[in-house]
């Protein structure tokens, strides 16, 4: 094992257990899907749950359901009456993902939809307190701007994969469209007066973004 793998193993042994259902889902995701490593996994999954418990959102929007692992983790943190709306643009994932979501103990808190969140989420007529963005990296800015319009003041956006395997600082990926999308997104939010930003070097990079509550916070006199 590499040092990073050993550290991850140590962390997993000293945090809340993943649980049998999520363990089986993560294993099935890696066996039956092409990009299994895209699932959040034990460490990030427990962090997502805890962030929801800390922020206490009423409504969460997820952009990019994939196999449903992160959706279940987010829903586990919701208080009574809370709801997660999660969108997956790839309709080929539905046959795999829907049974796992519906078979979970938080199925009643999850509204799983197939479609483009950038188009469909604003049609819900719901204002959100939190969003987890893990969709197409090439359109992260478009997704960000969409979410900001339906995010309550003081709400949070969690953006995944924002270090992109280190490609964001590797000139070899200057022509890669997904890398360019992530770089442009990172540059935008770093200079956006509407928000506060912290990047966590967890897995592939997780950015925490807080939407300012008022004009004073936004730097407007």
Foldseek 3Di string as FASTA:
>chain_A
DDPVVVVVVVVCVVDDHQDDLLVVLLVCLVVPDDCSVLACDDPSLQVLLVVCLVLQKQEEEEEACQQPNNVLSNLNNHDPNHAYEYEHQDPVRCVRRVVSLCVDPSVVRYHYYYHHCLPCVVVVVAAIQEYEYDYQLLCVVSVVVSNVVRYAAFGKYKYPLLCVQVVLVPPVCVPPSSSVSSVVVVVVLVPQLQWDWDWDPDDRIIMMITGHNDPVSSVHD
